[in-house]
């Protein structure tokens, strides 16, 4: 199943796409379910999963779908005022892994004055992990994402992101790891400044469960950037190209590191715009991942 969080009429809701294209408002059926974290907590307590918890709620409250996915997303789109779509998980922390794809390693080498660093990370047993965001910095679908005013070369990085609970992967979503290639390329030790700044991370639109996603290492990832209504860049990758799979990454992340429940983890990018391209204010970024959905954000200078 796929889960959405949104605000409508000043009230927060969780909805589930139990049938293709149709969603039901779980909060309306059970007011104790006000977030996907509430579902994950219930699943943990009962020793089940969130799809099983949801099926129990739906079976106790039979009825038609309340709204279509198209209606929900259209109501949340820019210029509309009916719905505010939220990140699908209230992630207290967002972590990220880098240099998990060969293309990413090559791009990092090309931009860097220390190219050997990236080759060594790509070939090493220990992956590169870094802290990316906190909940108050995290951007929603259709919200703004930022490019640094002190950076001349800025790119989005479309990434499969997984969500953890009790240290295990419980779902997947689309991630946009906004990055300054100018700053990271100047010196790899500047990575935190290249990666962590205002509006530098976005997640959404849905939390897709393992049952829905199936094999997370067989998902198509597409990045489209629009400028002035025209397609300025399009790139594609597949998570099968990752050197390290999601299970490997979460195993390393939780070693000697207690992460809070609901933590989201970006898994690296396999498609990046070419060196001659940089984002500009007003660009619209679409990150689409198979079986999950499309995360759309507009660029601003921060």
C-alpha atoms as a PDB file:
ATOM      1  CA  UNK A   1       0.000   0.000   0.000  1.00  0.00           C
ATOM      2  CA  UNK A   2       0.965   3.656  -0.365  1.00  0.00           C
ATOM      3  CA  UNK A   3       0.391   6.184   2.422  1.00  0.00           C
ATOM      4  CA  UNK A   4       0.001   9.967   2.270  1.00  0.00           C
ATOM      5  CA  UNK A   5       0.045  12.651   4.952  1.00  0.00           C
ATOM      6  CA  UNK A   6      -1.696  15.957   4.395  1.00  0.00           C
ATOM      7  CA  UNK A   7      -3.479  18.887   6.019  1.00  0.00           C
ATOM      8  CA  UNK A   8      -6.993  19.804   4.957  1.00  0.00           C
ATOM      9  CA  UNK A   9      -9.293  22.243   6.687  1.00  0.00           C
ATOM     10  CA  UNK A  10      -6.646  22.815   9.345  1.00  0.00           C
ATOM     11  CA  UNK A  11      -6.661  19.129  10.313  1.00  0.00           C
ATOM     12  CA  UNK A  12      -3.928  16.608   9.747  1.00  0.00           C
ATOM     13  CA  UNK A  13      -4.803  13.345   7.979  1.00  0.00           C
ATOM     14  CA  UNK A  14      -3.280  10.025   6.943  1.00  0.00           C
ATOM     15  CA  UNK A  15      -4.689   8.361   3.837  1.00  0.00           C
ATOM     16  CA  UNK A  16      -3.962   5.032   2.208  1.00  0.00           C
ATOM     17  CA  UNK A  17      -4.124   3.910  -1.392  1.00  0.00           C
ATOM     18  CA  UNK A  18      -5.534   0.474  -0.703  1.00  0.00           C
ATOM     19  CA  UNK A  19      -6.937   0.123  -4.230  1.00  0.00           C
ATOM     20  CA  UNK A  20      -5.154   1.485  -7.317  1.00  0.00           C
ATOM     21  CA  UNK A  21      -5.858   5.184  -7.750  1.00  0.00           C
ATOM     22  CA  UNK A  22      -8.249   5.404  -4.796  1.00  0.00           C
ATOM     23  CA  UNK A  23      -7.515   6.420  -1.217  1.00  0.00           C
ATOM     24  CA  UNK A  24      -9.299   6.271   2.105  1.00  0.00           C
ATOM     25  CA  UNK A  25      -8.825   8.638   5.009  1.00  0.00           C
ATOM     26  CA  UNK A  26      -7.551   6.504   7.890  1.00  0.00           C
ATOM     27  CA  UNK A  27      -7.712   9.383  10.362  1.00  0.00           C
ATOM     28  CA  UNK A  28     -11.421   9.766   9.693  1.00  0.00           C
ATOM     29  CA  UNK A  29     -11.890   6.045  10.355  1.00  0.00           C
ATOM     30  CA  UNK A  30      -9.675   5.994  13.456  1.00  0.00           C
ATOM     31  CA  UNK A  31      -8.745   9.401  14.971  1.00  0.00           C
ATOM     32  CA  UNK A  32      -5.839   7.799  16.860  1.00  0.00           C
ATOM     33  CA  UNK A  33      -4.077   7.407  13.511  1.00  0.00           C
ATOM     34  CA  UNK A  34      -2.838  10.939  12.881  1.00  0.00           C
ATOM     35  CA  UNK A  35       0.492  10.081  11.253  1.00  0.00           C
ATOM     36  CA  UNK A  36       2.279   7.237   9.518  1.00  0.00           C
ATOM     37  CA  UNK A  37       4.426   7.018  12.643  1.00  0.00           C
ATOM     38  CA  UNK A  38       1.246   6.105  14.540  1.00  0.00           C
ATOM     39  CA  UNK A  39       0.710   3.221  12.102  1.00  0.00           C
ATOM     40  CA  UNK A  40       4.315   2.103  12.431  1.00  0.00           C
ATOM     41  CA  UNK A  41       4.058   2.233  16.210  1.00  0.00           C
ATOM     42  CA  UNK A  42       0.896   0.106  16.154  1.00  0.00           C
ATOM     43  CA  UNK A  43       2.592  -2.382  13.836  1.00  0.00           C
ATOM     44  CA  UNK A  44       5.609  -2.609  16.131  1.00  0.00           C
ATOM     45  CA  UNK A  45       3.451  -3.166  19.225  1.00  0.00           C
ATOM     46  CA  UNK A  46       1.410  -5.901  17.542  1.00  0.00           C
ATOM     47  CA  UNK A  47       4.379  -7.531  15.856  1.00  0.00           C
ATOM     48  CA  UNK A  48       2.904  -7.027  12.389  1.00  0.00           C
ATOM     49  CA  UNK A  49       3.348  -4.468   9.596  1.00  0.00           C
ATOM     50  CA  UNK A  50       1.487  -1.291   8.696  1.00  0.00           C
ATOM     51  CA  UNK A  51      -0.398  -2.893   5.813  1.00  0.00           C
ATOM     52  CA  UNK A  52      -1.809  -5.477   8.235  1.00  0.00           C
ATOM     53  CA  UNK A  53      -2.777  -2.746  10.691  1.00  0.00           C
ATOM     54  CA  UNK A  54      -4.451  -0.817   7.889  1.00  0.00           C
ATOM     55  CA  UNK A  55      -6.357  -3.858   6.647  1.00  0.00           C
ATOM     56  CA  UNK A  56      -7.745  -4.266  10.153  1.00  0.00           C
ATOM     57  CA  UNK A  57      -8.952  -0.645  10.179  1.00  0.00           C
ATOM     58  CA  UNK A  58     -10.486  -0.934   6.708  1.00  0.00           C
ATOM     59  CA  UNK A  59     -12.215  -4.246   7.410  1.00  0.00           C
ATOM     60  CA  UNK A  60     -13.825  -2.741  10.489  1.00  0.00           C
ATOM     61  CA  UNK A  61     -14.990   0.245   8.441  1.00  0.00           C
ATOM     62  CA  UNK A  62     -16.134  -0.990   5.012  1.00  0.00           C
ATOM     63  CA  UNK A  63     -17.065   1.653   2.510  1.00  0.00           C
ATOM     64  CA  UNK A  64     -16.087   3.332  -0.734  1.00  0.00           C
ATOM     65  CA  UNK A  65     -12.915   5.313  -1.363  1.00  0.00           C
ATOM     66  CA  UNK A  66     -13.211   8.899  -0.215  1.00  0.00           C
ATOM     67  CA  UNK A  67     -11.091  10.567  -2.911  1.00  0.00           C
ATOM     68  CA  UNK A  68      -8.965   9.706  -5.932  1.00  0.00           C
ATOM     69  CA  UNK A  69      -5.204  10.114  -5.966  1.00  0.00           C
ATOM     70  CA  UNK A  70      -5.586  12.653  -8.782  1.00  0.00           C
ATOM     71  CA  UNK A  71      -7.919  14.774  -6.654  1.00  0.00           C
ATOM     72  CA  UNK A  72      -5.522  14.691  -3.703  1.00  0.00           C
ATOM     73  CA  UNK A  73      -2.451  15.633  -5.733  1.00  0.00           C
ATOM     74  CA  UNK A  74      -4.301  18.229  -7.777  1.00  0.00           C
ATOM     75  CA  UNK A  75      -5.590  19.855  -4.604  1.00  0.00           C
ATOM     76  CA  UNK A  76      -2.036  20.055  -3.264  1.00  0.00           C
ATOM     77  CA  UNK A  77      -0.470  21.463  -6.449  1.00  0.00           C
ATOM     78  CA  UNK A  78       0.916  25.019  -6.573  1.00  0.00           C
ATOM     79  CA  UNK A  79      -1.829  27.604  -6.875  1.00  0.00           C
ATOM     80  CA  UNK A  80      -4.372  25.372  -5.177  1.00  0.00           C
ATOM     81  CA  UNK A  81      -5.408  25.862  -1.568  1.00  0.00           C
ATOM     82  CA  UNK A  82      -7.467  22.811  -0.659  1.00  0.00           C
ATOM     83  CA  UNK A  83      -4.742  20.433   0.531  1.00  0.00           C
ATOM     84  CA  UNK A  84      -1.221  20.774   1.896  1.00  0.00           C
ATOM     85  CA  UNK A  85       0.670  17.577   1.191  1.00  0.00           C
ATOM     86  CA  UNK A  86       3.250  16.684   3.855  1.00  0.00           C
ATOM     87  CA  UNK A  87       6.303  14.426   3.715  1.00  0.00           C
ATOM     88  CA  UNK A  88       4.954  10.884   4.055  1.00  0.00           C
ATOM     89  CA  UNK A  89       6.937  10.341   7.262  1.00  0.00           C
ATOM     90  CA  UNK A  90       7.709  12.763  10.093  1.00  0.00           C
ATOM     91  CA  UNK A  91      11.380  11.855   9.900  1.00  0.00           C
ATOM     92  CA  UNK A  92      13.197  13.157  12.994  1.00  0.00           C
ATOM     93  CA  UNK A  93      16.461  12.576  11.129  1.00  0.00           C
ATOM     94  CA  UNK A  94      17.363  12.173   7.478  1.00  0.00           C
ATOM     95  CA  UNK A  95      20.626  10.439   6.610  1.00  0.00           C
ATOM     96  CA  UNK A  96      22.143   9.812   3.207  1.00  0.00           C
ATOM     97  CA  UNK A  97      24.673   7.584   1.523  1.00  0.00           C
ATOM     98  CA  UNK A  98      26.943   8.741  -1.246  1.00  0.00           C
ATOM     99  CA  UNK A  99      28.960   7.210  -4.068  1.00  0.00           C
ATOM    100  CA  UNK A 100      26.686   4.181  -4.278  1.00  0.00           C
ATOM    101  CA  UNK A 101      26.478   4.266  -8.093  1.00  0.00           C
ATOM    102  CA  UNK A 102      29.377   4.116 -10.563  1.00  0.00           C
ATOM    103  CA  UNK A 103      28.097   7.207 -12.410  1.00  0.00           C
ATOM    104  CA  UNK A 104      28.007   9.138  -9.140  1.00  0.00           C
ATOM    105  CA  UNK A 105      31.587   8.152  -8.363  1.00  0.00           C
ATOM    106  CA  UNK A 106      32.731   9.345 -11.802  1.00  0.00           C
ATOM    107  CA  UNK A 107      30.877  12.651 -11.483  1.00  0.00           C
ATOM    108  CA  UNK A 108      32.373  13.280  -8.055  1.00  0.00           C
ATOM    109  CA  UNK A 109      35.852  12.571  -9.421  1.00  0.00           C
ATOM    110  CA  UNK A 110      35.291  15.009 -12.290  1.00  0.00           C
ATOM    111  CA  UNK A 111      34.238  17.852  -9.981  1.00  0.00           C
ATOM    112  CA  UNK A 112      36.804  17.255  -7.254  1.00  0.00           C
ATOM    113  CA  UNK A 113      40.364  18.321  -6.706  1.00  0.00           C
ATOM    114  CA  UNK A 114      40.785  15.046  -4.790  1.00  0.00           C
ATOM    115  CA  UNK A 115      39.336  12.422  -7.175  1.00  0.00           C
ATOM    116  CA  UNK A 116      40.995   9.411  -5.526  1.00  0.00           C
ATOM    117  CA  UNK A 117      38.864   9.926  -2.422  1.00  0.00           C
ATOM    118  CA  UNK A 118      35.704   8.909  -4.289  1.00  0.00           C
ATOM    119  CA  UNK A 119      37.217   5.853  -5.954  1.00  0.00           C
ATOM    120  CA  UNK A 120      38.406   4.624  -2.573  1.00  0.00           C
ATOM    121  CA  UNK A 121      34.950   5.118  -1.038  1.00  0.00           C
ATOM    122  CA  UNK A 122      33.249   3.327  -3.918  1.00  0.00           C
ATOM    123  CA  UNK A 123      35.530   0.302  -3.558  1.00  0.00           C
ATOM    124  CA  UNK A 124      35.612   0.236   0.254  1.00  0.00           C
ATOM    125  CA  UNK A 125      33.632  -2.099   2.481  1.00  0.00           C
ATOM    126  CA  UNK A 126      32.389   0.822   4.596  1.00  0.00           C
ATOM    127  CA  UNK A 127      29.988   3.105   2.656  1.00  0.00           C
ATOM    128  CA  UNK A 128      29.952   6.885   2.858  1.00  0.00           C
ATOM    129  CA  UNK A 129      27.176   7.992   5.222  1.00  0.00           C
ATOM    130  CA  UNK A 130      26.365  11.554   6.200  1.00  0.00           C
ATOM    131  CA  UNK A 131      23.694  13.438   8.094  1.00  0.00           C
ATOM    132  CA  UNK A 132      21.364  15.234   5.682  1.00  0.00           C
ATOM    133  CA  UNK A 133      18.421  16.880   7.415  1.00  0.00           C
ATOM    134  CA  UNK A 134      16.128  17.272  10.383  1.00  0.00           C
ATOM    135  CA  UNK A 135      12.341  17.347  10.323  1.00  0.00           C
ATOM    136  CA  UNK A 136      12.128  21.145  10.513  1.00  0.00           C
ATOM    137  CA  UNK A 137      14.373  21.459   7.428  1.00  0.00           C
ATOM    138  CA  UNK A 138      12.570  18.777   5.433  1.00  0.00           C
ATOM    139  CA  UNK A 139      10.502  19.980   2.480  1.00  0.00           C
ATOM    140  CA  UNK A 140       7.134  18.596   1.363  1.00  0.00           C
ATOM    141  CA  UNK A 141       5.935  17.688  -2.120  1.00  0.00           C
ATOM    142  CA  UNK A 142       5.203  20.861  -4.136  1.00  0.00           C
ATOM    143  CA  UNK A 143       7.164  22.952  -1.621  1.00  0.00           C
ATOM    144  CA  UNK A 144      10.332  24.898  -2.395  1.00  0.00           C
ATOM    145  CA  UNK A 145      13.823  23.429  -2.419  1.00  0.00           C
ATOM    146  CA  UNK A 146      16.917  25.582  -2.147  1.00  0.00           C
ATOM    147  CA  UNK A 147      20.133  26.332  -3.965  1.00  0.00           C
ATOM    148  CA  UNK A 148      22.856  28.152  -2.079  1.00  0.00           C
ATOM    149  CA  UNK A 149      23.521  31.762  -3.048  1.00  0.00           C
ATOM    150  CA  UNK A 150      27.258  31.199  -2.473  1.00  0.00           C
ATOM    151  CA  UNK A 151      27.433  28.300  -4.947  1.00  0.00           C
ATOM    152  CA  UNK A 152      27.602  28.604  -8.728  1.00  0.00           C
ATOM    153  CA  UNK A 153      26.961  24.911  -9.513  1.00  0.00           C
ATOM    154  CA  UNK A 154      23.886  23.335  -7.921  1.00  0.00           C
ATOM    155  CA  UNK A 155      22.054  20.112  -8.751  1.00  0.00           C
ATOM    156  CA  UNK A 156      19.258  17.885  -7.491  1.00  0.00           C
ATOM    157  CA  UNK A 157      20.029  14.262  -6.742  1.00  0.00           C
ATOM    158  CA  UNK A 158      17.037  11.904  -7.184  1.00  0.00           C
ATOM    159  CA  UNK A 159      17.285   9.079  -4.687  1.00  0.00           C
ATOM    160  CA  UNK A 160      15.343   6.086  -3.497  1.00  0.00           C
ATOM    161  CA  UNK A 161      14.863   6.677   0.215  1.00  0.00           C
ATOM    162  CA  UNK A 162      13.890   4.130   2.819  1.00  0.00           C
ATOM    163  CA  UNK A 163      12.238   4.628   6.198  1.00  0.00           C
ATOM    164  CA  UNK A 164      13.270   2.768   9.336  1.00  0.00           C
ATOM    165  CA  UNK A 165      11.492   1.639  12.475  1.00  0.00           C
ATOM    166  CA  UNK A 166      13.103  -0.497  15.166  1.00  0.00           C
ATOM    167  CA  UNK A 167      16.236  -0.281  13.009  1.00  0.00           C
ATOM    168  CA  UNK A 168      14.570  -2.069  10.086  1.00  0.00           C
ATOM    169  CA  UNK A 169      13.331  -0.907   6.690  1.00  0.00           C
ATOM    170  CA  UNK A 170       9.551  -0.446   6.766  1.00  0.00           C
ATOM    171  CA  UNK A 171       8.896   1.601   3.636  1.00  0.00           C
ATOM    172  CA  UNK A 172      10.239   3.602   0.721  1.00  0.00           C
ATOM    173  CA  UNK A 173       9.741   7.065  -0.724  1.00  0.00           C
ATOM    174  CA  UNK A 174      11.277   9.475  -3.250  1.00  0.00           C
ATOM    175  CA  UNK A 175      14.064  11.743  -2.062  1.00  0.00           C
ATOM    176  CA  UNK A 176      15.664  14.880  -3.481  1.00  0.00           C
ATOM    177  CA  UNK A 177      19.160  15.458  -2.103  1.00  0.00           C
ATOM    178  CA  UNK A 178      19.856  19.055  -3.145  1.00  0.00           C
ATOM    179  CA  UNK A 179      23.595  19.609  -3.446  1.00  0.00           C
ATOM    180  CA  UNK A 180      26.228  22.241  -4.130  1.00  0.00           C
ATOM    181  CA  UNK A 181      28.807  20.707  -6.443  1.00  0.00           C
ATOM    182  CA  UNK A 182      30.868  23.904  -6.236  1.00  0.00           C
ATOM    183  CA  UNK A 183      31.397  23.548  -2.503  1.00  0.00           C
ATOM    184  CA  UNK A 184      31.914  19.790  -2.387  1.00  0.00           C
ATOM    185  CA  UNK A 185      34.232  19.967  -5.400  1.00  0.00           C
ATOM    186  CA  UNK A 186      36.394  22.583  -3.693  1.00  0.00           C
ATOM    187  CA  UNK A 187      37.170  20.211  -0.847  1.00  0.00           C
ATOM    188  CA  UNK A 188      35.491  16.922   0.214  1.00  0.00           C
ATOM    189  CA  UNK A 189      35.652  18.103   3.829  1.00  0.00           C
ATOM    190  CA  UNK A 190      33.115  20.779   2.902  1.00  0.00           C
ATOM    191  CA  UNK A 191      30.505  18.059   2.315  1.00  0.00           C
ATOM    192  CA  UNK A 192      28.273  19.129   5.259  1.00  0.00           C
ATOM    193  CA  UNK A 193      28.044  22.657   3.820  1.00  0.00           C
ATOM    194  CA  UNK A 194      27.352  21.294   0.339  1.00  0.00           C
ATOM    195  CA  UNK A 195      24.586  19.037   1.614  1.00  0.00           C
ATOM    196  CA  UNK A 196      23.001  20.569   4.723  1.00  0.00           C
ATOM    197  CA  UNK A 197      21.442  23.999   4.384  1.00  0.00           C
ATOM    198  CA  UNK A 198      17.978  25.582   4.239  1.00  0.00           C
ATOM    199  CA  UNK A 199      15.500  23.632   2.090  1.00  0.00           C
ATOM    200  CA  UNK A 200      18.127  21.138   0.976  1.00  0.00           C
ATOM    201  CA  UNK A 201      16.044  17.953   1.307  1.00  0.00           C
ATOM    202  CA  UNK A 202      12.598  16.847   0.197  1.00  0.00           C
ATOM    203  CA  UNK A 203      10.653  13.592   0.564  1.00  0.00           C
ATOM    204  CA  UNK A 204       7.401  12.334  -0.926  1.00  0.00           C
ATOM    205  CA  UNK A 205       4.797  12.021  -2.129  1.00  0.00           C
ATOM    206  CA  UNK A 206       3.989   8.600  -0.652  1.00  0.00           C
ATOM    207  CA  UNK A 207       5.364   6.020   1.745  1.00  0.00           C
ATOM    208  CA  UNK A 208       5.247   2.731  -0.164  1.00  0.00           C
ATOM    209  CA  UNK A 209       5.501  -0.440   1.876  1.00  0.00           C
ATOM    210  CA  UNK A 210       7.814  -3.370   1.100  1.00  0.00           C
ATOM    211  CA  UNK A 211       4.756  -5.365   0.014  1.00  0.00           C
ATOM    212  CA  UNK A 212       4.037  -2.752  -2.676  1.00  0.00           C
ATOM    213  CA  UNK A 213       7.618  -2.097  -3.753  1.00  0.00           C
ATOM    214  CA  UNK A 214       8.790  -5.698  -3.900  1.00  0.00           C
ATOM    215  CA  UNK A 215      12.494  -5.757  -4.727  1.00  0.00           C
ATOM    216  CA  UNK A 216      13.869  -2.253  -4.016  1.00  0.00           C
ATOM    217  CA  UNK A 217      16.868  -3.015  -6.211  1.00  0.00           C
ATOM    218  CA  UNK A 218      14.740  -3.156  -9.354  1.00  0.00           C
ATOM    219  CA  UNK A 219      13.180   0.318  -9.461  1.00  0.00           C
ATOM    220  CA  UNK A 220      13.414   2.842 -12.269  1.00  0.00           C
ATOM    221  CA  UNK A 221      14.385   6.379 -11.183  1.00  0.00           C
ATOM    222  CA  UNK A 222      13.701   9.370 -13.446  1.00  0.00           C
ATOM    223  CA  UNK A 223      14.768  12.989 -12.979  1.00  0.00           C
ATOM    224  CA  UNK A 224      13.123  15.734 -15.035  1.00  0.00           C
ATOM    225  CA  UNK A 225      13.956  19.426 -14.655  1.00  0.00           C
ATOM    226  CA  UNK A 226      11.656  22.020 -16.238  1.00  0.00           C
ATOM    227  CA  UNK A 227      12.703  25.593 -16.956  1.00  0.00           C
ATOM    228  CA  UNK A 228      10.231  28.171 -18.230  1.00  0.00           C
ATOM    229  CA  UNK A 229       7.796  25.381 -19.060  1.00  0.00           C
ATOM    230  CA  UNK A 230      10.281  23.398 -21.131  1.00  0.00           C
ATOM    231  CA  UNK A 231      12.239  20.254 -20.333  1.00  0.00           C
ATOM    232  CA  UNK A 232      15.794  21.374 -19.528  1.00  0.00           C
ATOM    233  CA  UNK A 233      17.131  17.979 -18.446  1.00  0.00           C
ATOM    234  CA  UNK A 234      15.997  14.389 -18.213  1.00  0.00           C
ATOM    235  CA  UNK A 235      17.980  11.511 -16.769  1.00  0.00           C
ATOM    236  CA  UNK A 236      17.195   7.919 -15.867  1.00  0.00           C
ATOM    237  CA  UNK A 237      18.747   5.262 -13.656  1.00  0.00           C
ATOM    238  CA  UNK A 238      17.767   2.036 -11.955  1.00  0.00           C
ATOM    239  CA  UNK A 239      18.407   0.958  -8.385  1.00  0.00           C
ATOM    240  CA  UNK A 240      19.821  -2.280  -9.792  1.00  0.00           C
ATOM    241  CA  UNK A 241      22.913  -0.172 -10.570  1.00  0.00           C
ATOM    242  CA  UNK A 242      23.618   0.428  -6.876  1.00  0.00           C
ATOM    243  CA  UNK A 243      26.828  -1.199  -5.695  1.00  0.00           C
ATOM    244  CA  UNK A 244      25.411  -1.563  -2.178  1.00  0.00           C
ATOM    245  CA  UNK A 245      21.774  -2.506  -1.647  1.00  0.00           C
ATOM    246  CA  UNK A 246      19.382  -1.020   0.903  1.00  0.00           C
ATOM    247  CA  UNK A 247      19.804  -3.879   3.378  1.00  0.00           C
ATOM    248  CA  UNK A 248      23.579  -3.374   3.338  1.00  0.00           C
ATOM    249  CA  UNK A 249      23.213   0.371   3.885  1.00  0.00           C
ATOM    250  CA  UNK A 250      20.829   0.156   6.835  1.00  0.00           C
ATOM    251  CA  UNK A 251      23.066  -2.441   8.462  1.00  0.00           C
ATOM    252  CA  UNK A 252      25.974   0.006   8.383  1.00  0.00           C
ATOM    253  CA  UNK A 253      23.874   2.975   9.485  1.00  0.00           C
ATOM    254  CA  UNK A 254      22.677   1.366  12.721  1.00  0.00           C
ATOM    255  CA  UNK A 255      26.084   0.067  13.775  1.00  0.00           C
ATOM    256  CA  UNK A 256      26.929   1.846  17.055  1.00  0.00           C
ATOM    257  CA  UNK A 257      24.425   4.537  16.016  1.00  0.00           C
ATOM    258  CA  UNK A 258      20.990   4.698  17.633  1.00  0.00           C
ATOM    259  CA  UNK A 259      18.688   6.329  15.093  1.00  0.00           C
ATOM    260  CA  UNK A 260      15.177   7.443  16.082  1.00  0.00           C
ATOM    261  CA  UNK A 261      12.154   5.603  14.724  1.00  0.00           C
ATOM    262  CA  UNK A 262      10.949   7.122  11.467  1.00  0.00           C
ATOM    263  CA  UNK A 263      14.430   8.063  10.294  1.00  0.00           C
ATOM    264  CA  UNK A 264      14.603   8.325   6.509  1.00  0.00           C
ATOM    265  CA  UNK A 265      17.693   7.373   4.527  1.00  0.00           C
ATOM    266  CA  UNK A 266      18.605   8.503   1.013  1.00  0.00           C
ATOM    267  CA  UNK A 267      20.531   5.850  -0.901  1.00  0.00           C
ATOM    268  CA  UNK A 268      22.524   7.807  -3.487  1.00  0.00           C
ATOM    269  CA  UNK A 269      21.936   8.906  -7.045  1.00  0.00           C
ATOM    270  CA  UNK A 270      22.534   7.292 -10.403  1.00  0.00           C
ATOM    271  CA  UNK A 271      21.662  10.290 -12.578  1.00  0.00           C
ATOM    272  CA  UNK A 272      23.023  13.831 -12.314  1.00  0.00           C
ATOM    273  CA  UNK A 273      22.841  16.730 -14.793  1.00  0.00           C
ATOM    274  CA  UNK A 274      26.051  17.326 -16.799  1.00  0.00           C
ATOM    275  CA  UNK A 275      28.757  19.792 -15.703  1.00  0.00           C
ATOM    276  CA  UNK A 276      27.436  22.548 -17.971  1.00  0.00           C
ATOM    277  CA  UNK A 277      24.048  22.495 -16.207  1.00  0.00           C
ATOM    278  CA  UNK A 278      23.173  24.245 -12.966  1.00  0.00           C
ATOM    279  CA  UNK A 279      19.813  24.853 -11.332  1.00  0.00           C
ATOM    280  CA  UNK A 280      18.185  28.277 -11.416  1.00  0.00           C
ATOM    281  CA  UNK A 281      15.445  29.871  -9.354  1.00  0.00           C
ATOM    282  CA  UNK A 282      12.056  28.878 -10.730  1.00  0.00           C
ATOM    283  CA  UNK A 283      13.158  25.486 -12.068  1.00  0.00           C
ATOM    284  CA  UNK A 284      10.713  22.674 -11.324  1.00  0.00           C
ATOM    285  CA  UNK A 285      12.207  19.309 -10.319  1.00  0.00           C
ATOM    286  CA  UNK A 286      10.347  16.017 -10.744  1.00  0.00           C
ATOM    287  CA  UNK A 287      11.755  12.875  -9.122  1.00  0.00           C
ATOM    288  CA  UNK A 288       9.818   9.781 -10.171  1.00  0.00           C
ATOM    289  CA  UNK A 289      10.460   6.326  -8.752  1.00  0.00           C
ATOM    290  CA  UNK A 290       8.665   3.258  -9.992  1.00  0.00           C
ATOM    291  CA  UNK A 291       5.933   1.932  -7.642  1.00  0.00           C
ATOM    292  CA  UNK A 292       6.201   5.021  -5.402  1.00  0.00           C
ATOM    293  CA  UNK A 293       5.224   8.179  -7.311  1.00  0.00           C
ATOM    294  CA  UNK A 294       6.562  11.590  -8.307  1.00  0.00           C
ATOM    295  CA  UNK A 295       8.081  14.178  -5.971  1.00  0.00           C
ATOM    296  CA  UNK A 296       7.782  17.710  -7.394  1.00  0.00           C
ATOM    297  CA  UNK A 297       9.485  20.824  -6.016  1.00  0.00           C
ATOM    298  CA  UNK A 298      10.294  24.345  -7.203  1.00  0.00           C
ATOM    299  CA  UNK A 299      13.764  25.867  -6.825  1.00  0.00           C
ATOM    300  CA  UNK A 300      14.506  29.047  -4.862  1.00  0.00           C
ATOM    301  CA  UNK A 301      17.766  30.707  -3.836  1.00  0.00           C
ATOM    302  CA  UNK A 302      18.526  30.504  -0.116  1.00  0.00           C
END
